[in-house]
């Protein structure tokens, strides 16, 4: 029973979130009459109503064929309608196989109007998005899509869509993205939060990607909690059953994120430098044990940096960083003062053995910038960043540090 599985995830006895897709590959799971849940990296919620198939989110280009196969085992109804919770590529690529099957009978795709702007930006920055996602997900062969299925109908603030016997209420929100849609199906008291709830701390500070909106995300979480849903089906991670659990998860996630926002703004308004804020702000300790508030994807200090970018610009308060010397020039000068790049590399290993991984990272990077062709220096850099990757919890930090280690292994 899917309820038993969801209960195990709620109790922390099983992992199912944006990092660990616990039931991926097991096909469409029944949730209620005419409602299914297709788990994967990018869940899809399926509806059969009035002889029609409706999808909320549509999976990625890498799983679209499997989604089609699995859904067709669940129903043969024609796909008439799809909703994008937002425009990330793991949510918008699944309609193709259905539309190829149906010929001219294309589905109507609904989304917030900013989704089209996102797709345009993706076309402008395809190379960059390929590189950062290769690094984040440790997927060197990942290729960024060059064409997108644009929505047919867009909205600005709210929209209600009726299909068959079901009513889909759509509400715009900002959080991980500026183009998010919250879905609510009245007949099932079913909440569809998209990526506004992902069973780990909010993806609100991603260091390689565009602006996130932490304060607005808090508002969205509280809005969803007030909807009094009985079932919540996130686009990443396990279902949540029961109004009490849904409200708890949403409100505690809002509390966690609001604490970071409040602390950061207080220090920013007091004139603190970014460095001081990053190393001072901490999330509420009493929520650390919640299975949906583990920092396994994003991290609190990344959220703080994102808040600074949102409210404070790019200048971090350190005047040396306003118009800095090139990294390699600074590294060369410090290496000369230290007695050469090898001395910096040795100091990096000493810091690593002493437990100061952050300092070790600085020293190893400076040594490599000062001596980019020195195989011994790169061996040290690889060792330092391999150790950093092994000791991190978040996927984002692991991805960056692993990438750095692999760079140096290729040069050592």
Protein backbone atom coordinates (compact mmCIF):
# COMPACT_ATOMS: atom_id res chain seq x y z
CA UNK A 1 0.00 0.00 0.00
CA UNK A 2 1.30 3.45 -0.94
CA UNK A 3 0.03 4.83 2.38
CA UNK A 4 2.31 2.44 4.29
CA UNK A 5 5.28 3.47 2.17
CA UNK A 6 4.53 7.16 2.71
CA UNK A 7 4.31 6.54 6.45
CA UNK A 8 7.76 4.97 6.47
CA UNK A 9 9.20 8.00 4.68
CA UNK A 10 7.44 10.32 7.11
CA UNK A 11 8.99 8.47 10.04
CA UNK A 12 12.46 8.61 8.50
CA UNK A 13 12.56 4.85 7.92
CA UNK A 14 12.91 5.22 4.12
CA UNK A 15 14.36 7.92 1.87
CA UNK A 16 12.36 9.47 -0.95
CA UNK A 17 13.20 13.03 -1.94
CA UNK A 18 14.84 15.09 -4.66
CA UNK A 19 18.13 13.25 -3.98
CA UNK A 20 16.82 9.70 -3.44
CA UNK A 21 13.92 8.77 -5.71
CA UNK A 22 12.85 5.86 -3.56
CA UNK A 23 10.21 4.18 -5.77
CA UNK A 24 11.52 5.23 -9.17
CA UNK A 25 10.95 2.61 -11.86
CA UNK A 26 7.87 1.04 -10.26
CA UNK A 27 5.28 2.52 -12.61
CA UNK A 28 2.09 4.40 -11.82
CA UNK A 29 0.99 3.91 -8.21
CA UNK A 30 -2.73 4.23 -7.36
CA UNK A 31 -3.57 7.09 -4.99
CA UNK A 32 -7.36 7.44 -5.29
CA UNK A 33 -10.03 6.68 -7.87
CA UNK A 34 -8.65 7.90 -11.19
CA UNK A 35 -5.52 9.40 -9.59
CA UNK A 36 -2.04 7.92 -9.96
CA UNK A 37 1.49 8.85 -8.91
CA UNK A 38 4.44 8.06 -11.18
CA UNK A 39 7.62 8.26 -9.07
CA UNK A 40 10.95 9.20 -10.57
CA UNK A 41 13.41 12.07 -10.68
CA UNK A 42 10.56 14.41 -11.33
CA UNK A 43 7.32 12.73 -10.26
CA UNK A 44 4.27 12.88 -12.50
CA UNK A 45 0.71 12.92 -11.17
CA UNK A 46 -1.77 11.22 -13.49
CA UNK A 47 -5.54 11.63 -13.73
CA UNK A 48 -8.12 9.69 -15.72
CA UNK A 49 -11.38 11.64 -15.86
CA UNK A 50 -14.22 11.77 -18.35
CA UNK A 51 -12.35 9.49 -20.74
CA UNK A 52 -9.32 11.82 -20.74
CA UNK A 53 -5.76 11.61 -19.42
CA UNK A 54 -4.44 14.64 -17.53
CA UNK A 55 -0.86 15.03 -16.29
CA UNK A 56 0.48 17.36 -13.63
CA UNK A 57 4.16 17.67 -14.57
CA UNK A 58 5.49 15.49 -17.35
CA UNK A 59 9.02 14.29 -16.42
CA UNK A 60 12.38 14.84 -18.08
CA UNK A 61 13.75 14.18 -21.57
CA UNK A 62 15.59 11.19 -20.09
CA UNK A 63 12.46 9.46 -18.78
CA UNK A 64 9.71 10.55 -21.18
CA UNK A 65 9.63 7.20 -22.99
CA UNK A 66 9.38 5.23 -19.73
CA UNK A 67 6.65 7.55 -18.46
CA UNK A 68 4.64 6.93 -21.63
CA UNK A 69 5.05 3.18 -21.36
CA UNK A 70 4.07 3.10 -17.70
CA UNK A 71 1.09 5.41 -18.09
CA UNK A 72 -0.18 3.40 -21.03
CA UNK A 73 -0.25 0.35 -18.77
CA UNK A 74 -2.41 2.41 -16.39
CA UNK A 75 -4.82 3.90 -18.96
CA UNK A 76 -5.34 4.13 -22.71
CA UNK A 77 -7.24 7.44 -22.44
CA UNK A 78 -5.93 10.16 -24.77
CA UNK A 79 -3.77 12.87 -23.24
CA UNK A 80 -5.79 16.08 -23.48
CA UNK A 81 -4.26 18.25 -20.77
CA UNK A 82 -0.94 18.78 -19.03
CA UNK A 83 0.14 21.24 -16.36
CA UNK A 84 3.73 22.38 -15.76
CA UNK A 85 4.46 23.14 -12.11
CA UNK A 86 7.41 25.19 -13.45
CA UNK A 87 9.83 25.13 -16.36
CA UNK A 88 12.75 23.00 -15.09
CA UNK A 89 13.61 20.32 -17.62
CA UNK A 90 12.72 17.41 -15.32
CA UNK A 91 9.08 18.57 -15.45
CA UNK A 92 8.34 19.58 -19.05
CA UNK A 93 9.45 16.89 -21.51
CA UNK A 94 6.92 14.07 -21.22
CA UNK A 95 4.15 15.06 -23.62
CA UNK A 96 6.09 14.17 -26.78
CA UNK A 97 5.49 10.39 -26.90
CA UNK A 98 1.77 10.85 -26.21
CA UNK A 99 1.43 13.48 -28.92
CA UNK A 100 3.34 11.38 -31.43
CA UNK A 101 0.93 8.55 -30.68
CA UNK A 102 -2.09 10.84 -31.06
CA UNK A 103 -1.05 12.65 -34.23
CA UNK A 104 -2.90 15.94 -34.65
CA UNK A 105 -4.68 15.60 -31.30
CA UNK A 106 -2.17 17.64 -29.31
CA UNK A 107 -2.63 18.13 -25.60
CA UNK A 108 -3.31 21.56 -24.15
CA UNK A 109 -0.44 22.54 -21.87
CA UNK A 110 -1.06 25.05 -19.07
CA UNK A 111 1.65 26.95 -17.20
CA UNK A 112 2.51 30.28 -15.67
CA UNK A 113 3.44 32.89 -18.26
CA UNK A 114 7.06 33.09 -17.03
CA UNK A 115 7.71 29.51 -18.21
CA UNK A 116 8.09 30.75 -21.79
CA UNK A 117 10.64 33.34 -20.61
CA UNK A 118 12.58 30.55 -18.89
CA UNK A 119 12.70 28.50 -22.09
CA UNK A 120 14.01 31.53 -23.98
CA UNK A 121 16.75 31.98 -21.37
CA UNK A 122 17.65 28.30 -21.63
CA UNK A 123 18.22 28.74 -25.35
CA UNK A 124 20.51 31.70 -24.64
CA UNK A 125 22.53 29.85 -21.98
CA UNK A 126 22.45 26.24 -23.13
CA UNK A 127 26.21 25.74 -22.84
CA UNK A 128 26.34 27.16 -19.34
CA UNK A 129 23.39 25.07 -18.19
CA UNK A 130 25.02 21.96 -19.60
CA UNK A 131 28.22 22.59 -17.65
CA UNK A 132 26.62 23.47 -14.31
CA UNK A 133 24.25 20.51 -14.40
CA UNK A 134 27.07 18.16 -15.38
CA UNK A 135 28.89 19.44 -12.30
CA UNK A 136 25.90 19.50 -9.93
CA UNK A 137 24.70 16.00 -10.77
CA UNK A 138 28.14 14.52 -11.58
CA UNK A 139 26.84 13.65 -15.05
CA UNK A 140 29.63 14.48 -17.54
CA UNK A 141 27.63 13.24 -20.53
CA UNK A 142 24.56 15.37 -19.83
CA UNK A 143 23.47 17.48 -22.79
CA UNK A 144 21.16 20.45 -22.38
CA UNK A 145 17.98 20.45 -24.49
CA UNK A 146 17.78 22.81 -27.45
CA UNK A 147 14.01 22.78 -28.03
CA UNK A 148 11.05 22.99 -25.67
CA UNK A 149 7.32 22.25 -25.65
CA UNK A 150 5.90 25.68 -24.92
CA UNK A 151 2.64 26.02 -23.00
CA UNK A 152 -0.51 26.64 -25.01
CA UNK A 153 -2.33 28.53 -22.27
CA UNK A 154 -0.62 30.75 -19.71
CA UNK A 155 -1.90 32.71 -16.75
CA UNK A 156 -0.60 35.43 -14.42
CA UNK A 157 -2.05 35.06 -10.90
CA UNK A 158 -4.63 32.24 -10.82
CA UNK A 159 -6.60 30.03 -13.19
CA UNK A 160 -9.23 27.32 -12.80
CA UNK A 161 -9.40 24.51 -15.36
CA UNK A 162 -12.20 21.94 -15.52
CA UNK A 163 -11.49 18.58 -17.16
CA UNK A 164 -13.98 15.72 -16.96
CA UNK A 165 -15.19 15.48 -13.38
CA UNK A 166 -12.22 17.32 -11.89
CA UNK A 167 -11.49 20.95 -11.05
CA UNK A 168 -7.86 22.08 -11.15
CA UNK A 169 -7.19 25.35 -9.31
CA UNK A 170 -3.85 26.88 -10.30
CA UNK A 171 -2.12 29.58 -8.25
CA UNK A 172 1.15 31.31 -9.08
CA UNK A 173 3.95 31.29 -6.50
CA UNK A 174 7.62 32.21 -6.34
CA UNK A 175 10.19 30.11 -4.52
CA UNK A 176 12.71 27.88 -6.23
CA UNK A 177 11.64 29.63 -9.43
CA UNK A 178 9.66 32.68 -10.52
CA UNK A 179 7.29 30.59 -12.67
CA UNK A 180 5.87 28.11 -10.14
CA UNK A 181 2.30 26.83 -10.14
CA UNK A 182 0.56 25.36 -7.10
CA UNK A 183 -2.17 22.93 -8.09
CA UNK A 184 -5.21 21.96 -6.05
CA UNK A 185 -7.83 19.39 -7.08
CA UNK A 186 -10.99 20.14 -5.13
CA UNK A 187 -12.72 16.81 -5.57
CA UNK A 188 -9.85 14.92 -3.90
CA UNK A 189 -8.63 17.67 -1.54
CA UNK A 190 -5.35 17.05 -3.33
CA UNK A 191 -2.44 19.51 -3.14
CA UNK A 192 0.17 19.55 -5.92
CA UNK A 193 3.08 21.69 -4.69
CA UNK A 194 5.52 21.01 -7.54
CA UNK A 195 9.01 21.73 -6.21
CA UNK A 196 7.81 23.98 -3.38
CA UNK A 197 8.09 20.90 -1.14
CA UNK A 198 10.80 18.34 -1.99
CA UNK A 199 11.34 16.35 1.24
CA UNK A 200 14.62 18.13 2.02
CA UNK A 201 15.39 21.75 2.92
CA UNK A 202 14.19 24.16 0.21
CA UNK A 203 16.34 24.43 -2.91
CA UNK A 204 16.63 28.13 -2.26
CA UNK A 205 20.34 28.90 -2.51
CA UNK A 206 21.70 26.83 -5.39
CA UNK A 207 25.19 28.32 -5.91
CA UNK A 208 25.32 27.75 -9.68
CA UNK A 209 21.84 28.79 -10.74
CA UNK A 210 19.64 31.81 -11.09
CA UNK A 211 17.88 33.77 -8.37
CA UNK A 212 15.67 31.99 -5.84
CA UNK A 213 13.02 33.71 -3.71
CA UNK A 214 13.20 32.61 -0.05
CA UNK A 215 10.74 35.12 1.45
CA UNK A 216 8.14 34.48 -1.23
CA UNK A 217 8.69 30.74 -0.73
CA UNK A 218 7.71 31.14 2.93
CA UNK A 219 4.48 32.81 1.81
CA UNK A 220 3.78 29.98 -0.65
CA UNK A 221 4.29 27.32 2.03
CA UNK A 222 1.86 29.05 4.36
CA UNK A 223 -0.66 29.51 1.57
CA UNK A 224 -0.54 25.79 0.80
CA UNK A 225 -0.90 24.90 4.49
CA UNK A 226 -4.11 26.94 4.59
CA UNK A 227 -5.63 24.91 1.73
CA UNK A 228 -6.42 22.09 4.17
CA UNK A 229 -5.52 19.30 1.77
CA UNK A 230 -5.86 15.64 2.71
CA UNK A 231 -3.30 14.39 0.17
CA UNK A 232 -0.10 16.10 -1.00
CA UNK A 233 1.78 14.78 -4.01
CA UNK A 234 5.09 16.65 -4.45
CA UNK A 235 6.96 16.58 -7.74
CA UNK A 236 9.94 15.12 -5.87
CA UNK A 237 9.62 12.67 -3.01
CA UNK A 238 6.91 10.61 -1.42
CA UNK A 239 3.22 11.44 -0.98
CA UNK A 240 1.98 12.86 2.32
CA UNK A 241 -1.40 11.70 3.59
CA UNK A 242 -3.50 13.44 6.24
CA UNK A 243 -4.26 17.12 6.77
CA UNK A 244 -2.28 17.24 10.03
CA UNK A 245 0.93 15.92 8.52
CA UNK A 246 0.61 18.14 5.46
CA UNK A 247 0.16 21.26 7.57
CA UNK A 248 3.05 20.30 9.85
CA UNK A 249 5.46 19.67 6.97
CA UNK A 250 4.55 22.90 5.17
CA UNK A 251 4.49 25.14 8.23
CA UNK A 252 7.72 23.77 9.70
CA UNK A 253 9.45 24.17 6.35
CA UNK A 254 8.17 27.76 6.31
CA UNK A 255 9.47 28.28 9.85
CA UNK A 256 12.91 26.88 8.91
CA UNK A 257 13.21 29.13 5.87
CA UNK A 258 11.72 32.22 7.54
CA UNK A 259 14.35 31.94 10.27
CA UNK A 260 17.15 32.21 7.70
CA UNK A 261 15.43 35.15 6.01
CA UNK A 262 14.91 37.03 9.30
CA UNK A 263 18.45 36.49 10.59
CA UNK A 264 20.04 37.44 7.27
CA UNK A 265 18.01 40.62 6.88
CA UNK A 266 18.78 41.69 10.45
CA UNK A 267 22.53 41.40 9.86
CA UNK A 268 22.34 42.91 6.38
CA UNK A 269 20.43 45.90 7.77
CA UNK A 270 23.05 46.27 10.50
CA UNK A 271 25.76 46.65 7.86
CA UNK A 272 27.47 43.28 8.32
CA UNK A 273 29.66 41.88 5.58
CA UNK A 274 28.55 38.80 3.68
CA UNK A 275 31.34 36.76 5.28
CA UNK A 276 30.04 37.56 8.77
CA UNK A 277 26.46 36.75 7.81
CA UNK A 278 27.32 33.42 6.15
CA UNK A 279 29.21 32.26 9.22
CA UNK A 280 26.64 33.54 11.75
CA UNK A 281 23.20 32.53 10.47
CA UNK A 282 21.95 29.10 11.55
CA UNK A 283 18.62 27.30 10.98
CA UNK A 284 16.40 26.37 13.96
CA UNK A 285 18.07 23.51 15.84
CA UNK A 286 14.76 22.07 17.03
CA UNK A 287 13.76 21.21 13.44
CA UNK A 288 17.01 19.46 12.51
CA UNK A 289 15.57 15.98 13.02
CA UNK A 290 12.67 16.33 10.60
CA UNK A 291 13.04 13.96 7.61
CA UNK A 292 11.83 16.74 5.29
CA UNK A 293 14.35 19.28 6.62
CA UNK A 294 17.66 17.57 5.95
CA UNK A 295 20.20 19.68 4.04
CA UNK A 296 20.94 16.94 1.51
CA UNK A 297 20.42 18.98 -1.67
CA UNK A 298 20.87 22.66 -0.87
CA UNK A 299 22.40 24.15 2.30
CA UNK A 300 21.53 26.94 4.73
CA UNK A 301 24.64 28.96 3.97
CA UNK A 302 23.83 28.85 0.26
CA UNK A 303 20.38 30.24 1.06
CA UNK A 304 22.06 33.08 2.98
CA UNK A 305 24.24 33.91 -0.02
CA UNK A 306 21.20 33.89 -2.26
CA UNK A 307 19.42 36.29 0.09
CA UNK A 308 22.42 38.61 -0.08
CA UNK A 309 22.32 38.48 -3.87
CA UNK A 310 18.59 39.23 -3.83
CA UNK A 311 18.72 42.15 -1.42
CA UNK A 312 22.30 43.36 -1.34
CA UNK A 313 23.85 43.14 -4.79
CA UNK A 314 27.08 41.37 -5.67
CA UNK A 315 29.52 43.44 -3.57
CA UNK A 316 30.23 41.40 -0.42
CA UNK A 317 31.46 44.24 1.81
CA UNK A 318 35.16 43.43 1.43
CA UNK A 319 36.74 46.37 -0.45
CA UNK A 320 39.50 44.16 -1.83
CA UNK A 321 36.82 42.23 -3.70
CA UNK A 322 35.27 45.27 -5.38
CA UNK A 323 37.98 45.41 -8.07
CA UNK A 324 40.13 42.37 -7.28
CA UNK A 325 43.34 41.19 -8.84
CA UNK A 326 42.96 38.13 -11.08
CA UNK A 327 42.85 34.93 -9.03
CA UNK A 328 46.06 33.63 -10.59
CA UNK A 329 47.96 36.86 -9.83
CA UNK A 330 46.91 36.79 -6.18
CA UNK A 331 47.78 33.09 -5.97
CA UNK A 332 51.21 33.71 -7.44
CA UNK A 333 51.96 36.50 -4.96
CA UNK A 334 50.85 34.40 -1.99
CA UNK A 335 52.85 31.41 -3.25
CA UNK A 336 55.96 33.59 -3.45
CA UNK A 337 55.41 34.80 0.11
CA UNK A 338 54.86 31.24 1.31
CA UNK A 339 57.97 29.86 -0.37
CA UNK A 340 56.40 28.51 -3.57
CA UNK A 341 53.30 26.64 -4.71
CA UNK A 342 54.53 23.41 -3.10
CA UNK A 343 54.59 25.16 0.28
CA UNK A 344 50.96 26.16 -0.19
CA UNK A 345 50.11 22.58 -1.16
CA UNK A 346 51.85 21.26 1.95
CA UNK A 347 49.95 23.76 4.08
CA UNK A 348 46.72 22.55 2.48
CA UNK A 349 47.48 18.97 3.51
CA UNK A 350 48.34 20.12 7.04
CA UNK A 351 45.04 21.99 7.30
CA UNK A 352 43.21 18.93 5.97
CA UNK A 353 44.85 16.61 8.51
CA UNK A 354 44.03 19.14 11.24
CA UNK A 355 40.34 19.06 10.34
CA UNK A 356 40.07 22.51 8.74
CA UNK A 357 38.71 21.47 5.36
CA UNK A 358 37.60 24.97 4.41
CA UNK A 359 41.10 26.39 4.86
CA UNK A 360 42.57 23.38 3.07
CA UNK A 361 40.36 24.13 0.09
CA UNK A 362 41.59 27.73 -0.13
CA UNK A 363 45.24 26.73 0.11
CA UNK A 364 44.97 23.89 -2.42
CA UNK A 365 43.17 26.12 -4.92
CA UNK A 366 45.75 28.89 -4.51
CA UNK A 367 48.58 26.40 -5.09
CA UNK A 368 46.94 25.12 -8.28
CA UNK A 369 46.31 28.63 -9.59
CA UNK A 370 49.93 29.57 -8.90
CA UNK A 371 51.26 26.39 -10.58
CA UNK A 372 48.60 25.18 -13.04
CA UNK A 373 50.93 22.65 -14.69
CA UNK A 374 52.44 21.15 -11.52
CA UNK A 375 51.29 17.51 -11.25
CA UNK A 376 52.23 17.30 -7.57
CA UNK A 377 50.16 20.34 -6.71
CA UNK A 378 47.21 18.86 -8.58
CA UNK A 379 47.54 15.60 -6.67
CA UNK A 380 47.16 17.59 -3.47
CA UNK A 381 44.19 19.53 -4.88
CA UNK A 382 42.52 16.26 -5.87
CA UNK A 383 43.09 14.82 -2.40
CA UNK A 384 41.73 17.90 -0.64
CA UNK A 385 38.57 18.20 -2.72
CA UNK A 386 37.94 14.46 -2.68
CA UNK A 387 37.99 14.63 1.10
CA UNK A 388 35.68 17.63 1.04
CA UNK A 389 33.21 15.84 -1.23
CA UNK A 390 33.21 12.74 0.97
CA UNK A 391 32.40 14.75 4.09
CA UNK A 392 29.60 16.92 2.68
CA UNK A 393 25.90 16.13 2.98
CA UNK A 394 24.42 18.27 0.21
CA UNK A 395 24.36 17.11 -3.39
CA UNK A 396 25.40 20.57 -4.55
CA UNK A 397 28.57 20.71 -2.45
CA UNK A 398 29.44 17.12 -3.33
CA UNK A 399 29.02 17.92 -7.02
CA UNK A 400 31.29 20.99 -7.00
CA UNK A 401 34.02 19.37 -4.91
CA UNK A 402 33.97 16.12 -6.89
CA UNK A 403 34.25 18.08 -10.13
CA UNK A 404 37.28 19.97 -8.79
CA UNK A 405 38.96 16.73 -7.71
CA UNK A 406 38.38 15.17 -11.13
CA UNK A 407 39.83 18.27 -12.83
CA UNK A 408 43.06 17.83 -10.89
CA UNK A 409 43.20 14.06 -11.34
CA UNK A 410 43.25 14.72 -15.06
CA UNK A 411 46.32 16.92 -14.63
CA UNK A 412 48.31 14.97 -12.06
